[in-house]
């Protein structure tokens, strides 16, 4: 896996080894894969990011 400590402008997706730039958009398909939703933990709280029937992204607590 890539070492992300040398460049604070890059992120590594867990388990993929891919490195992303904080300055560039990330495709929702890349985040969600074949799923319609995913869970995100932020400050100890869980959020659900999902694709709606209208093909929009919705983030809920």
PDB file of N, CA and C in Angstrom:
ATOM      1  N   UNK A   1       0.848  -1.182   0.000  1.00  0.00           N
ATOM      2  CA  UNK A   1       0.000   0.000   0.000  1.00  0.00           C
ATOM      3  C   UNK A   1       0.884   1.232   0.000  1.00  0.00           C
ATOM      4  N   UNK A   2       0.403   2.296  -0.597  1.00  0.00           N
ATOM      5  CA  UNK A   2       1.180   3.525  -0.717  1.00  0.00           C
ATOM      6  C   UNK A   2       1.366   4.197   0.630  1.00  0.00           C
ATOM      7  N   UNK A   3       2.507   4.831   0.797  1.00  0.00           N
ATOM      8  CA  UNK A   3       2.789   5.583   2.012  1.00  0.00           C
ATOM      9  C   UNK A   3       2.227   6.977   1.854  1.00  0.00           C
ATOM     10  N   UNK A   4       1.223   7.330   2.648  1.00  0.00           N
ATOM     11  CA  UNK A   4       0.544   8.618   2.504  1.00  0.00           C
ATOM     12  C   UNK A   4       1.090   9.682   3.440  1.00  0.00           C
ATOM     13  N   UNK A   5       2.061   9.343   4.252  1.00  0.00           N
ATOM     14  CA  UNK A   5       2.561  10.305   5.226  1.00  0.00           C
ATOM     15  C   UNK A   5       3.424  11.372   4.589  1.00  0.00           C
ATOM     16  N   UNK A   6       3.998  11.117   3.416  1.00  0.00           N
ATOM     17  CA  UNK A   6       4.896  12.081   2.806  1.00  0.00           C
ATOM     18  C   UNK A   6       4.164  13.188   2.065  1.00  0.00           C
ATOM     19  N   UNK A   7       2.901  12.982   1.696  1.00  0.00           N
ATOM     20  CA  UNK A   7       2.155  13.993   0.943  1.00  0.00           C
ATOM     21  C   UNK A   7       0.760  14.104   1.535  1.00  0.00           C
ATOM     22  N   UNK A   8       0.519  15.168   2.308  1.00  0.00           N
ATOM     23  CA  UNK A   8      -0.775  15.331   2.974  1.00  0.00           C
ATOM     24  C   UNK A   8      -1.885  15.651   1.993  1.00  0.00           C
ATOM     25  N   UNK A   9      -1.559  15.818   0.702  1.00  0.00           N
ATOM     26  CA  UNK A   9      -2.547  16.133  -0.318  1.00  0.00           C
ATOM     27  C   UNK A   9      -3.099  14.871  -0.970  1.00  0.00           C
ATOM     28  N   UNK A  10      -2.676  13.683  -0.526  1.00  0.00           N
ATOM     29  CA  UNK A  10      -3.130  12.447  -1.134  1.00  0.00           C
ATOM     30  C   UNK A  10      -3.779  11.549  -0.101  1.00  0.00           C
ATOM     31  N   UNK A  11      -4.783  10.802  -0.537  1.00  0.00           N
ATOM     32  CA  UNK A  11      -5.496   9.856   0.311  1.00  0.00           C
ATOM     33  C   UNK A  11      -5.371   8.475  -0.303  1.00  0.00           C
ATOM     34  N   UNK A  12      -5.371   7.450   0.518  1.00  0.00           N
ATOM     35  CA  UNK A  12      -5.366   6.086   0.027  1.00  0.00           C
ATOM     36  C   UNK A  12      -6.686   5.438   0.402  1.00  0.00           C
ATOM     37  N   UNK A  13      -7.318   4.811  -0.550  1.00  0.00           N
ATOM     38  CA  UNK A  13      -8.567   4.104  -0.274  1.00  0.00           C
ATOM     39  C   UNK A  13      -8.212   2.800   0.422  1.00  0.00           C
ATOM     40  N   UNK A  14      -8.830   2.531   1.574  1.00  0.00           N
ATOM     41  CA  UNK A  14      -8.522   1.302   2.307  1.00  0.00           C
ATOM     42  C   UNK A  14      -8.703   0.065   1.438  1.00  0.00           C
ATOM     43  N   UNK A  15      -7.783  -0.864   1.542  1.00  0.00           N
ATOM     44  CA  UNK A  15      -7.831  -2.163   0.878  1.00  0.00           C
ATOM     45  C   UNK A  15      -7.618  -2.103  -0.625  1.00  0.00           C
ATOM     46  N   UNK A  16      -7.465  -0.927  -1.235  1.00  0.00           N
ATOM     47  CA  UNK A  16      -7.300  -0.891  -2.686  1.00  0.00           C
ATOM     48  C   UNK A  16      -5.881  -0.546  -3.098  1.00  0.00           C
ATOM     49  N   UNK A  17      -5.175   0.210  -2.254  1.00  0.00           N
ATOM     50  CA  UNK A  17      -3.844   0.644  -2.619  1.00  0.00           C
ATOM     51  C   UNK A  17      -3.842   1.829  -3.567  1.00  0.00           C
ATOM     52  N   UNK A  18      -5.019   2.262  -4.014  1.00  0.00           N
ATOM     53  CA  UNK A  18      -5.108   3.409  -4.916  1.00  0.00           C
ATOM     54  C   UNK A  18      -4.910   4.692  -4.128  1.00  0.00           C
ATOM     55  N   UNK A  19      -4.248   5.648  -4.735  1.00  0.00           N
ATOM     56  CA  UNK A  19      -3.989   6.923  -4.081  1.00  0.00           C
ATOM     57  C   UNK A  19      -4.761   8.009  -4.815  1.00  0.00           C
ATOM     58  N   UNK A  20      -5.452   8.852  -4.038  1.00  0.00           N
ATOM     59  CA  UNK A  20      -6.251   9.924  -4.605  1.00  0.00           C
ATOM     60  C   UNK A  20      -5.724  11.256  -4.108  1.00  0.00           C
ATOM     61  N   UNK A  21      -5.944  12.293  -4.890  1.00  0.00           N
ATOM     62  CA  UNK A  21      -5.562  13.642  -4.495  1.00  0.00           C
ATOM     63  C   UNK A  21      -6.751  14.316  -3.831  1.00  0.00           C
ATOM     64  N   UNK A  22      -6.506  15.076  -2.790  1.00  0.00           N
ATOM     65  CA  UNK A  22      -7.588  15.819  -2.131  1.00  0.00           C
ATOM     66  C   UNK A  22      -8.149  16.903  -3.052  1.00  0.00           C
ATOM     67  N   UNK A  23      -7.393  17.282  -4.057  1.00  0.00           N
ATOM     68  CA  UNK A  23      -7.806  18.352  -4.970  1.00  0.00           C
ATOM     69  C   UNK A  23      -8.686  17.865  -6.109  1.00  0.00           C
ATOM     70  N   UNK A  24      -8.771  16.571  -6.323  1.00  0.00           N
ATOM     71  CA  UNK A  24      -9.515  16.018  -7.449  1.00  0.00           C
ATOM     72  C   UNK A  24     -10.784  15.317  -6.970  1.00  0.00           C
ATOM     73  N   UNK A  25     -11.869  15.460  -7.717  1.00  0.00           N
ATOM     74  CA  UNK A  25     -13.110  14.746  -7.356  1.00  0.00           C
ATOM     75  C   UNK A  25     -12.910  13.234  -7.427  1.00  0.00           C
ATOM     76  N   UNK A  26     -13.662  12.507  -6.603  1.00  0.00           N
ATOM     77  CA  UNK A  26     -13.672  11.049  -6.625  1.00  0.00           C
ATOM     78  C   UNK A  26     -15.045  10.614  -7.115  1.00  0.00           C
ATOM     79  N   UNK A  27     -15.078   9.747  -8.083  1.00  0.00           N
ATOM     80  CA  UNK A  27     -16.326   9.242  -8.641  1.00  0.00           C
ATOM     81  C   UNK A  27     -17.143   8.517  -7.569  1.00  0.00           C
ATOM     82  N   UNK A  28     -18.442   8.762  -7.553  1.00  0.00           N
ATOM     83  CA  UNK A  28     -19.303   8.047  -6.606  1.00  0.00           C
ATOM     84  C   UNK A  28     -19.270   6.550  -6.898  1.00  0.00           C
ATOM     85  N   UNK A  29     -19.095   6.180  -8.149  1.00  0.00           N
ATOM     86  CA  UNK A  29     -19.007   4.758  -8.499  1.00  0.00           C
ATOM     87  C   UNK A  29     -17.751   4.140  -7.891  1.00  0.00           C
ATOM     88  N   UNK A  30     -16.676   4.906  -7.829  1.00  0.00           N
ATOM     89  CA  UNK A  30     -15.454   4.419  -7.209  1.00  0.00           C
ATOM     90  C   UNK A  30     -15.661   4.226  -5.710  1.00  0.00           C
ATOM     91  N   UNK A  31     -16.386   5.126  -5.071  1.00  0.00           N
ATOM     92  CA  UNK A  31     -16.670   5.005  -3.637  1.00  0.00           C
ATOM     93  C   UNK A  31     -17.627   3.849  -3.346  1.00  0.00           C
ATOM     94  N   UNK A  32     -18.709   3.755  -4.107  1.00  0.00           N
ATOM     95  CA  UNK A  32     -19.772   2.801  -3.812  1.00  0.00           C
ATOM     96  C   UNK A  32     -19.607   1.454  -4.498  1.00  0.00           C
ATOM     97  N   UNK A  33     -18.860   1.422  -5.593  1.00  0.00           N
ATOM     98  CA  UNK A  33     -18.728   0.179  -6.349  1.00  0.00           C
ATOM     99  C   UNK A  33     -20.077  -0.252  -6.886  1.00  0.00           C
ATOM    100  N   UNK A  34     -20.417  -1.515  -6.694  1.00  0.00           N
ATOM    101  CA  UNK A  34     -21.700  -2.048  -7.170  1.00  0.00           C
ATOM    102  C   UNK A  34     -22.829  -1.830  -6.175  1.00  0.00           C
ATOM    103  N   UNK A  35     -22.512  -1.268  -5.007  1.00  0.00           N
ATOM    104  CA  UNK A  35     -23.516  -1.051  -3.969  1.00  0.00           C
ATOM    105  C   UNK A  35     -24.304   0.225  -4.223  1.00  0.00           C
ATOM    106  N   UNK A  36     -25.459   0.312  -3.618  1.00  0.00           N
ATOM    107  CA  UNK A  36     -26.271   1.523  -3.667  1.00  0.00           C
ATOM    108  C   UNK A  36     -26.034   2.406  -2.453  1.00  0.00           C
ATOM    109  N   UNK A  37     -25.278   1.896  -1.467  1.00  0.00           N
ATOM    110  CA  UNK A  37     -25.036   2.676  -0.256  1.00  0.00           C
ATOM    111  C   UNK A  37     -23.748   2.228   0.417  1.00  0.00           C
ATOM    112  N   UNK A  38     -23.262   3.084   1.325  1.00  0.00           N
ATOM    113  CA  UNK A  38     -22.109   2.754   2.136  1.00  0.00           C
ATOM    114  C   UNK A  38     -22.212   3.501   3.455  1.00  0.00           C
ATOM    115  N   UNK A  39     -21.558   2.969   4.495  1.00  0.00           N
ATOM    116  CA  UNK A  39     -21.537   3.616   5.801  1.00  0.00           C
ATOM    117  C   UNK A  39     -20.242   4.393   5.949  1.00  0.00           C
ATOM    118  N   UNK A  40     -20.343   5.589   6.531  1.00  0.00           N
ATOM    119  CA  UNK A  40     -19.194   6.443   6.776  1.00  0.00           C
ATOM    120  C   UNK A  40     -19.190   6.803   8.255  1.00  0.00           C
ATOM    121  N   UNK A  41     -18.049   6.613   8.914  1.00  0.00           N
ATOM    122  CA  UNK A  41     -17.913   6.999  10.313  1.00  0.00           C
ATOM    123  C   UNK A  41     -17.211   8.341  10.364  1.00  0.00           C
ATOM    124  N   UNK A  42     -17.797   9.286  11.104  1.00  0.00           N
ATOM    125  CA  UNK A  42     -17.217  10.617  11.262  1.00  0.00           C
ATOM    126  C   UNK A  42     -17.418  11.069  12.700  1.00  0.00           C
ATOM    127  N   UNK A  43     -16.323  11.334  13.404  1.00  0.00           N
ATOM    128  CA  UNK A  43     -16.373  11.776  14.804  1.00  0.00           C
ATOM    129  C   UNK A  43     -17.237  10.865  15.671  1.00  0.00           C
ATOM    130  N   UNK A  44     -17.119   9.568  15.459  1.00  0.00           N
ATOM    131  CA  UNK A  44     -17.860   8.610  16.278  1.00  0.00           C
ATOM    132  C   UNK A  44     -19.308   8.417  15.878  1.00  0.00           C
ATOM    133  N   UNK A  45     -19.767   9.114  14.864  1.00  0.00           N
ATOM    134  CA  UNK A  45     -21.151   8.986  14.383  1.00  0.00           C
ATOM    135  C   UNK A  45     -21.163   8.241  13.052  1.00  0.00           C
ATOM    136  N   UNK A  46     -22.215   7.458  12.803  1.00  0.00           N
ATOM    137  CA  UNK A  46     -22.355   6.744  11.543  1.00  0.00           C
ATOM    138  C   UNK A  46     -23.307   7.486  10.615  1.00  0.00           C
ATOM    139  N   UNK A  47     -22.919   7.563   9.358  1.00  0.00           N
ATOM    140  CA  UNK A  47     -23.725   8.191   8.318  1.00  0.00           C
ATOM    141  C   UNK A  47     -23.861   7.210   7.162  1.00  0.00           C
ATOM    142  N   UNK A  48     -24.978   7.277   6.482  1.00  0.00           N
ATOM    143  CA  UNK A  48     -25.201   6.433   5.318  1.00  0.00           C
ATOM    144  C   UNK A  48     -25.199   7.308   4.062  1.00  0.00           C
ATOM    145  N   UNK A  49     -24.329   6.986   3.127  1.00  0.00           N
ATOM    146  CA  UNK A  49     -24.299   7.640   1.822  1.00  0.00           C
ATOM    147  C   UNK A  49     -24.963   6.681   0.846  1.00  0.00           C
ATOM    148  N   UNK A  50     -26.032   7.136   0.195  1.00  0.00           N
ATOM    149  CA  UNK A  50     -26.737   6.232  -0.718  1.00  0.00           C
ATOM    150  C   UNK A  50     -27.196   6.955  -1.975  1.00  0.00           C
ATOM    151  N   UNK A  51     -27.449   6.160  -2.997  1.00  0.00           N
ATOM    152  CA  UNK A  51     -27.985   6.674  -4.251  1.00  0.00           C
ATOM    153  C   UNK A  51     -29.504   6.527  -4.194  1.00  0.00           C
ATOM    154  N   UNK A  52     -30.225   7.608  -4.462  1.00  0.00           N
ATOM    155  CA  UNK A  52     -31.689   7.584  -4.419  1.00  0.00           C
ATOM    156  C   UNK A  52     -32.258   7.039  -5.727  1.00  0.00           C
ATOM    157  N   UNK A  53     -33.574   6.848  -5.757  1.00  0.00           N
ATOM    158  CA  UNK A  53     -34.256   6.409  -6.985  1.00  0.00           C
ATOM    159  C   UNK A  53     -34.122   7.431  -8.106  1.00  0.00           C
ATOM    160  N   UNK A  54     -33.906   8.688  -7.728  1.00  0.00           N
ATOM    161  CA  UNK A  54     -33.719   9.763  -8.714  1.00  0.00           C
ATOM    162  C   UNK A  54     -32.253   9.903  -9.115  1.00  0.00           C
ATOM    163  N   UNK A  55     -31.422   8.922  -8.691  1.00  0.00           N
ATOM    164  CA  UNK A  55     -30.002   8.876  -9.008  1.00  0.00           C
ATOM    165  C   UNK A  55     -29.225  10.051  -8.427  1.00  0.00           C
ATOM    166  N   UNK A  56     -29.634  10.490  -7.232  1.00  0.00           N
ATOM    167  CA  UNK A  56     -28.931  11.550  -6.514  1.00  0.00           C
ATOM    168  C   UNK A  56     -28.269  10.933  -5.287  1.00  0.00           C
ATOM    169  N   UNK A  57     -27.255  11.620  -4.774  1.00  0.00           N
ATOM    170  CA  UNK A  57     -26.598  11.146  -3.550  1.00  0.00           C
ATOM    171  C   UNK A  57     -27.266  11.758  -2.336  1.00  0.00           C
ATOM    172  N   UNK A  58     -27.473  10.939  -1.314  1.00  0.00           N
ATOM    173  CA  UNK A  58     -28.085  11.381  -0.077  1.00  0.00           C
ATOM    174  C   UNK A  58     -27.238  10.889   1.088  1.00  0.00           C
ATOM    175  N   UNK A  59     -26.843  11.816   1.961  1.00  0.00           N
ATOM    176  CA  UNK A  59     -26.080  11.486   3.169  1.00  0.00           C
ATOM    177  C   UNK A  59     -26.992  11.694   4.359  1.00  0.00           C
ATOM    178  N   UNK A  60     -27.244  10.627   5.120  1.00  0.00           N
ATOM    179  CA  UNK A  60     -28.138  10.720   6.279  1.00  0.00           C
ATOM    180  C   UNK A  60     -27.421  10.180   7.508  1.00  0.00           C
ATOM    181  N   UNK A  61     -27.856  10.663   8.658  1.00  0.00           N
ATOM    182  CA  UNK A  61     -27.306  10.222   9.939  1.00  0.00           C
ATOM    183  C   UNK A  61     -28.101   9.061  10.460  1.00  0.00           C
TER     184      UNK A  61
END
